[in-house]
Amino acid sequence: MRLELQYLYAIGRVPEPALSVIDAMQAGIGLKMCRTGFMAVAREAELQPFTQTTRK
């Protein structure tokens, strides 16, 4: 999420950098950041149906 928010800020799609948005969400709604390593998250995401395409 942080990288995507920063990218959107860099291309002018959102008015604040990622850290500002995340800080506001942590304070406002109690957002918690996952500390699981990226590779573990990516590995699990690869198993989800929405990331798979049908091969013929």
PDB file of N, CA and C in Angstrom:
ATOM      1  N   MET A   1       0.824  -1.180   0.000  1.00  0.00           N
ATOM      2  CA  MET A   1       0.000   0.000   0.000  1.00  0.00           C
ATOM      3  C   MET A   1       0.874   1.251   0.000  1.00  0.00           C
ATOM      4  N   ARG A   2       1.903   1.249   0.793  1.00  0.00           N
ATOM      5  CA  ARG A   2       2.743   2.449   0.898  1.00  0.00           C
ATOM      6  C   ARG A   2       3.392   2.793  -0.441  1.00  0.00           C
ATOM      7  N   LEU A   3       3.922   1.791  -1.121  1.00  0.00           N
ATOM      8  CA  LEU A   3       4.572   2.031  -2.406  1.00  0.00           C
ATOM      9  C   LEU A   3       3.575   2.555  -3.435  1.00  0.00           C
ATOM     10  N   GLU A   4       2.393   1.964  -3.467  1.00  0.00           N
ATOM     11  CA  GLU A   4       1.360   2.420  -4.408  1.00  0.00           C
ATOM     12  C   GLU A   4       0.951   3.860  -4.110  1.00  0.00           C
ATOM     13  N   LEU A   5       0.752   4.195  -2.840  1.00  0.00           N
ATOM     14  CA  LEU A   5       0.407   5.575  -2.481  1.00  0.00           C
ATOM     15  C   LEU A   5       1.503   6.550  -2.883  1.00  0.00           C
ATOM     16  N   GLN A   6       2.751   6.155  -2.678  1.00  0.00           N
ATOM     17  CA  GLN A   6       3.861   7.032  -3.046  1.00  0.00           C
ATOM     18  C   GLN A   6       3.920   7.222  -4.559  1.00  0.00           C
ATOM     19  N   TYR A   7       3.656   6.165  -5.306  1.00  0.00           N
ATOM     20  CA  TYR A   7       3.614   6.262  -6.766  1.00  0.00           C
ATOM     21  C   TYR A   7       2.501   7.219  -7.199  1.00  0.00           C
ATOM     22  N   LEU A   8       1.323   7.083  -6.610  1.00  0.00           N
ATOM     23  CA  LEU A   8       0.206   7.970  -6.952  1.00  0.00           C
ATOM     24  C   LEU A   8       0.537   9.421  -6.628  1.00  0.00           C
ATOM     25  N   TYR A   9       1.257   9.650  -5.547  1.00  0.00           N
ATOM     26  CA  TYR A   9       1.704  11.001  -5.202  1.00  0.00           C
ATOM     27  C   TYR A   9       2.703  11.513  -6.240  1.00  0.00           C
ATOM     28  N   ALA A  10       3.638  10.664  -6.628  1.00  0.00           N
ATOM     29  CA  ALA A  10       4.682  11.056  -7.587  1.00  0.00           C
ATOM     30  C   ALA A  10       4.106  11.459  -8.937  1.00  0.00           C
ATOM     31  N   ILE A  11       3.005  10.822  -9.339  1.00  0.00           N
ATOM     32  CA  ILE A  11       2.408  11.152 -10.639  1.00  0.00           C
ATOM     33  C   ILE A  11       1.264  12.158 -10.516  1.00  0.00           C
ATOM     34  N   GLY A  12       1.084  12.707  -9.312  1.00  0.00           N
ATOM     35  CA  GLY A  12       0.098  13.760  -9.117  1.00  0.00           C
ATOM     36  C   GLY A  12      -1.339  13.315  -8.952  1.00  0.00           C
ATOM     37  N   ARG A  13      -1.570  12.048  -8.633  1.00  0.00           N
ATOM     38  CA  ARG A  13      -2.939  11.545  -8.475  1.00  0.00           C
ATOM     39  C   ARG A  13      -3.486  11.729  -7.068  1.00  0.00           C
ATOM     40  N   VAL A  14      -2.604  11.845  -6.078  1.00  0.00           N
ATOM     41  CA  VAL A  14      -3.013  12.147  -4.704  1.00  0.00           C
ATOM     42  C   VAL A  14      -2.163  13.315  -4.214  1.00  0.00           C
ATOM     43  N   PRO A  15      -2.725  14.164  -3.335  1.00  0.00           N
ATOM     44  CA  PRO A  15      -2.026  15.391  -2.948  1.00  0.00           C
ATOM     45  C   PRO A  15      -0.973  15.248  -1.849  1.00  0.00           C
ATOM     46  N   GLU A  16      -0.931  14.121  -1.165  1.00  0.00           N
ATOM     47  CA  GLU A  16      -0.003  13.944  -0.045  1.00  0.00           C
ATOM     48  C   GLU A  16       0.885  12.726  -0.271  1.00  0.00           C
ATOM     49  N   PRO A  17       2.123  12.757   0.233  1.00  0.00           N
ATOM     50  CA  PRO A  17       2.984  11.575   0.124  1.00  0.00           C
ATOM     51  C   PRO A  17       2.467  10.427   0.993  1.00  0.00           C
ATOM     52  N   ALA A  18       2.933   9.235   0.693  1.00  0.00           N
ATOM     53  CA  ALA A  18       2.448   8.024   1.359  1.00  0.00           C
ATOM     54  C   ALA A  18       2.514   8.114   2.877  1.00  0.00           C
ATOM     55  N   LEU A  19       3.639   8.562   3.408  1.00  0.00           N
ATOM     56  CA  LEU A  19       3.802   8.595   4.859  1.00  0.00           C
ATOM     57  C   LEU A  19       2.738   9.461   5.526  1.00  0.00           C
ATOM     58  N   SER A  20       2.393  10.584   4.920  1.00  0.00           N
ATOM     59  CA  SER A  20       1.357  11.458   5.481  1.00  0.00           C
ATOM     60  C   SER A  20      -0.001  10.769   5.485  1.00  0.00           C
ATOM     61  N   VAL A  21      -0.318  10.079   4.395  1.00  0.00           N
ATOM     62  CA  VAL A  21      -1.604   9.375   4.290  1.00  0.00           C
ATOM     63  C   VAL A  21      -1.666   8.254   5.324  1.00  0.00           C
ATOM     64  N   ILE A  22      -0.608   7.478   5.417  1.00  0.00           N
ATOM     65  CA  ILE A  22      -0.587   6.357   6.362  1.00  0.00           C
ATOM     66  C   ILE A  22      -0.652   6.855   7.800  1.00  0.00           C
ATOM     67  N   ASP A  23       0.096   7.902   8.120  1.00  0.00           N
ATOM     68  CA  ASP A  23       0.036   8.475   9.471  1.00  0.00           C
ATOM     69  C   ASP A  23      -1.381   8.921   9.809  1.00  0.00           C
ATOM     70  N   ALA A  24      -2.051   9.576   8.866  1.00  0.00           N
ATOM     71  CA  ALA A  24      -3.423  10.041   9.096  1.00  0.00           C
ATOM     72  C   ALA A  24      -4.372   8.865   9.298  1.00  0.00           C
ATOM     73  N   MET A  25      -4.189   7.804   8.527  1.00  0.00           N
ATOM     74  CA  MET A  25      -5.054   6.631   8.669  1.00  0.00           C
ATOM     75  C   MET A  25      -4.788   5.896   9.983  1.00  0.00           C
ATOM     76  N   GLN A  26      -3.538   5.853  10.411  1.00  0.00           N
ATOM     77  CA  GLN A  26      -3.223   5.223  11.697  1.00  0.00           C
ATOM     78  C   GLN A  26      -3.884   5.990  12.836  1.00  0.00           C
ATOM     79  N   ALA A  27      -3.815   7.312  12.780  1.00  0.00           N
ATOM     80  CA  ALA A  27      -4.415   8.140  13.828  1.00  0.00           C
ATOM     81  C   ALA A  27      -5.938   8.153  13.737  1.00  0.00           C
ATOM     82  N   GLY A  28      -6.466   8.198  12.519  1.00  0.00           N
ATOM     83  CA  GLY A  28      -7.902   8.356  12.327  1.00  0.00           C
ATOM     84  C   GLY A  28      -8.726   7.097  12.489  1.00  0.00           C
ATOM     85  N   ILE A  29      -8.244   5.987  11.943  1.00  0.00           N
ATOM     86  CA  ILE A  29      -9.040   4.755  11.979  1.00  0.00           C
ATOM     87  C   ILE A  29      -8.304   3.579  12.623  1.00  0.00           C
ATOM     88  N   GLY A  30      -7.124   3.845  13.162  1.00  0.00           N
ATOM     89  CA  GLY A  30      -6.373   2.786  13.827  1.00  0.00           C
ATOM     90  C   GLY A  30      -5.715   1.796  12.879  1.00  0.00           C
ATOM     91  N   LEU A  31      -5.409   2.247  11.665  1.00  0.00           N
ATOM     92  CA  LEU A  31      -4.735   1.382  10.700  1.00  0.00           C
ATOM     93  C   LEU A  31      -3.461   0.807  11.303  1.00  0.00           C
ATOM     94  N   LYS A  32      -3.241  -0.477  11.079  1.00  0.00           N
ATOM     95  CA  LYS A  32      -2.016  -1.129  11.538  1.00  0.00           C
ATOM     96  C   LYS A  32      -1.291  -1.673  10.314  1.00  0.00           C
ATOM     97  N   MET A  33       0.023  -1.501  10.295  1.00  0.00           N
ATOM     98  CA  MET A  33       0.827  -1.987   9.182  1.00  0.00           C
ATOM     99  C   MET A  33       1.303  -3.406   9.482  1.00  0.00           C
ATOM    100  N   CYS A  34       1.183  -4.271   8.505  1.00  0.00           N
ATOM    101  CA  CYS A  34       1.632  -5.656   8.624  1.00  0.00           C
ATOM    102  C   CYS A  34       3.155  -5.702   8.566  1.00  0.00           C
ATOM    103  N   ARG A  35       3.764  -6.478   9.424  1.00  0.00           N
ATOM    104  CA  ARG A  35       5.224  -6.582   9.451  1.00  0.00           C
ATOM    105  C   ARG A  35       5.733  -7.850   8.758  1.00  0.00           C
ATOM    106  N   THR A  36       4.824  -8.575   8.107  1.00  0.00           N
ATOM    107  CA  THR A  36       5.222  -9.768   7.376  1.00  0.00           C
ATOM    108  C   THR A  36       6.122  -9.364   6.218  1.00  0.00           C
ATOM    109  N   GLY A  37       7.158 -10.127   5.960  1.00  0.00           N
ATOM    110  CA  GLY A  37       8.077  -9.826   4.870  1.00  0.00           C
ATOM    111  C   GLY A  37       7.384  -9.838   3.514  1.00  0.00           C
ATOM    112  N   PHE A  38       7.867  -8.996   2.606  1.00  0.00           N
ATOM    113  CA  PHE A  38       7.231  -8.856   1.298  1.00  0.00           C
ATOM    114  C   PHE A  38       7.191 -10.172   0.531  1.00  0.00           C
ATOM    115  N   MET A  39       8.243 -10.950   0.580  1.00  0.00           N
ATOM    116  CA  MET A  39       8.268 -12.203  -0.175  1.00  0.00           C
ATOM    117  C   MET A  39       7.183 -13.163   0.302  1.00  0.00           C
ATOM    118  N   ALA A  40       6.925 -13.213   1.587  1.00  0.00           N
ATOM    119  CA  ALA A  40       5.864 -14.075   2.113  1.00  0.00           C
ATOM    120  C   ALA A  40       4.503 -13.608   1.618  1.00  0.00           C
ATOM    121  N   VAL A  41       4.294 -12.316   1.576  1.00  0.00           N
ATOM    122  CA  VAL A  41       3.028 -11.763   1.084  1.00  0.00           C
ATOM    123  C   VAL A  41       2.882 -12.048  -0.407  1.00  0.00           C
ATOM    124  N   ALA A  42       3.935 -11.815  -1.181  1.00  0.00           N
ATOM    125  CA  ALA A  42       3.891 -12.063  -2.623  1.00  0.00           C
ATOM    126  C   ALA A  42       3.628 -13.539  -2.911  1.00  0.00           C
ATOM    127  N   ARG A  43       4.271 -14.419  -2.172  1.00  0.00           N
ATOM    128  CA  ARG A  43       4.090 -15.859  -2.361  1.00  0.00           C
ATOM    129  C   ARG A  43       2.629 -16.247  -2.122  1.00  0.00           C
ATOM    130  N   GLU A  44       2.028 -15.723  -1.075  1.00  0.00           N
ATOM    131  CA  GLU A  44       0.623 -16.018  -0.784  1.00  0.00           C
ATOM    132  C   GLU A  44      -0.289 -15.422  -1.851  1.00  0.00           C
ATOM    133  N   ALA A  45       0.013 -14.216  -2.312  1.00  0.00           N
ATOM    134  CA  ALA A  45      -0.806 -13.566  -3.344  1.00  0.00           C
ATOM    135  C   ALA A  45      -0.813 -14.372  -4.634  1.00  0.00           C
ATOM    136  N   GLU A  46       0.303 -14.996  -4.956  1.00  0.00           N
ATOM    137  CA  GLU A  46       0.381 -15.808  -6.173  1.00  0.00           C
ATOM    138  C   GLU A  46      -0.602 -16.972  -6.155  1.00  0.00           C
ATOM    139  N   LEU A  47      -1.012 -17.402  -4.979  1.00  0.00           N
ATOM    140  CA  LEU A  47      -1.935 -18.526  -4.849  1.00  0.00           C
ATOM    141  C   LEU A  47      -3.397 -18.112  -4.960  1.00  0.00           C
ATOM    142  N   GLN A  48      -3.658 -16.824  -4.911  1.00  0.00           N
ATOM    143  CA  GLN A  48      -5.031 -16.341  -4.939  1.00  0.00           C
ATOM    144  C   GLN A  48      -5.572 -16.339  -6.369  1.00  0.00           C
ATOM    145  N   PRO A  49      -6.849 -16.721  -6.555  1.00  0.00           N
ATOM    146  CA  PRO A  49      -7.416 -16.833  -7.906  1.00  0.00           C
ATOM    147  C   PRO A  49      -7.346 -15.539  -8.728  1.00  0.00           C
ATOM    148  N   PHE A  50      -7.471 -14.386  -8.094  1.00  0.00           N
ATOM    149  CA  PHE A  50      -7.485 -13.139  -8.859  1.00  0.00           C
ATOM    150  C   PHE A  50      -6.139 -12.821  -9.490  1.00  0.00           C
ATOM    151  N   THR A  51      -5.076 -13.490  -9.068  1.00  0.00           N
ATOM    152  CA  THR A  51      -3.755 -13.234  -9.649  1.00  0.00           C
ATOM    153  C   THR A  51      -3.383 -14.270 -10.700  1.00  0.00           C
ATOM    154  N   GLN A  52      -4.255 -15.229 -10.893  1.00  0.00           N
ATOM    155  CA  GLN A  52      -3.947 -16.303 -11.833  1.00  0.00           C
ATOM    156  C   GLN A  52      -4.726 -16.121 -13.123  1.00  0.00           C
ATOM    157  N   THR A  53      -4.114 -16.474 -14.223  1.00  0.00           N
ATOM    158  CA  THR A  53      -4.797 -16.451 -15.512  1.00  0.00           C
ATOM    159  C   THR A  53      -4.932 -17.882 -16.001  1.00  0.00           C
ATOM    160  N   THR A  54      -5.905 -18.100 -16.834  1.00  0.00           N
ATOM    161  CA  THR A  54      -6.113 -19.433 -17.385  1.00  0.00           C
ATOM    162  C   THR A  54      -5.119 -19.661 -18.510  1.00  0.00           C
ATOM    163  N   ARG A  55      -4.380 -20.731 -18.418  1.00  0.00           N
ATOM    164  CA  ARG A  55      -3.420 -21.076 -19.476  1.00  0.00           C
ATOM    165  C   ARG A  55      -4.039 -22.135 -20.370  1.00  0.00           C
ATOM    166  N   LYS A  56      -3.807 -21.978 -21.647  1.00  0.00           N
ATOM    167  CA  LYS A  56      -4.336 -22.961 -22.604  1.00  0.00           C
ATOM    168  C   LYS A  56      -3.219 -23.667 -23.301  1.00  0.00           C
TER     169      LYS A  56
END
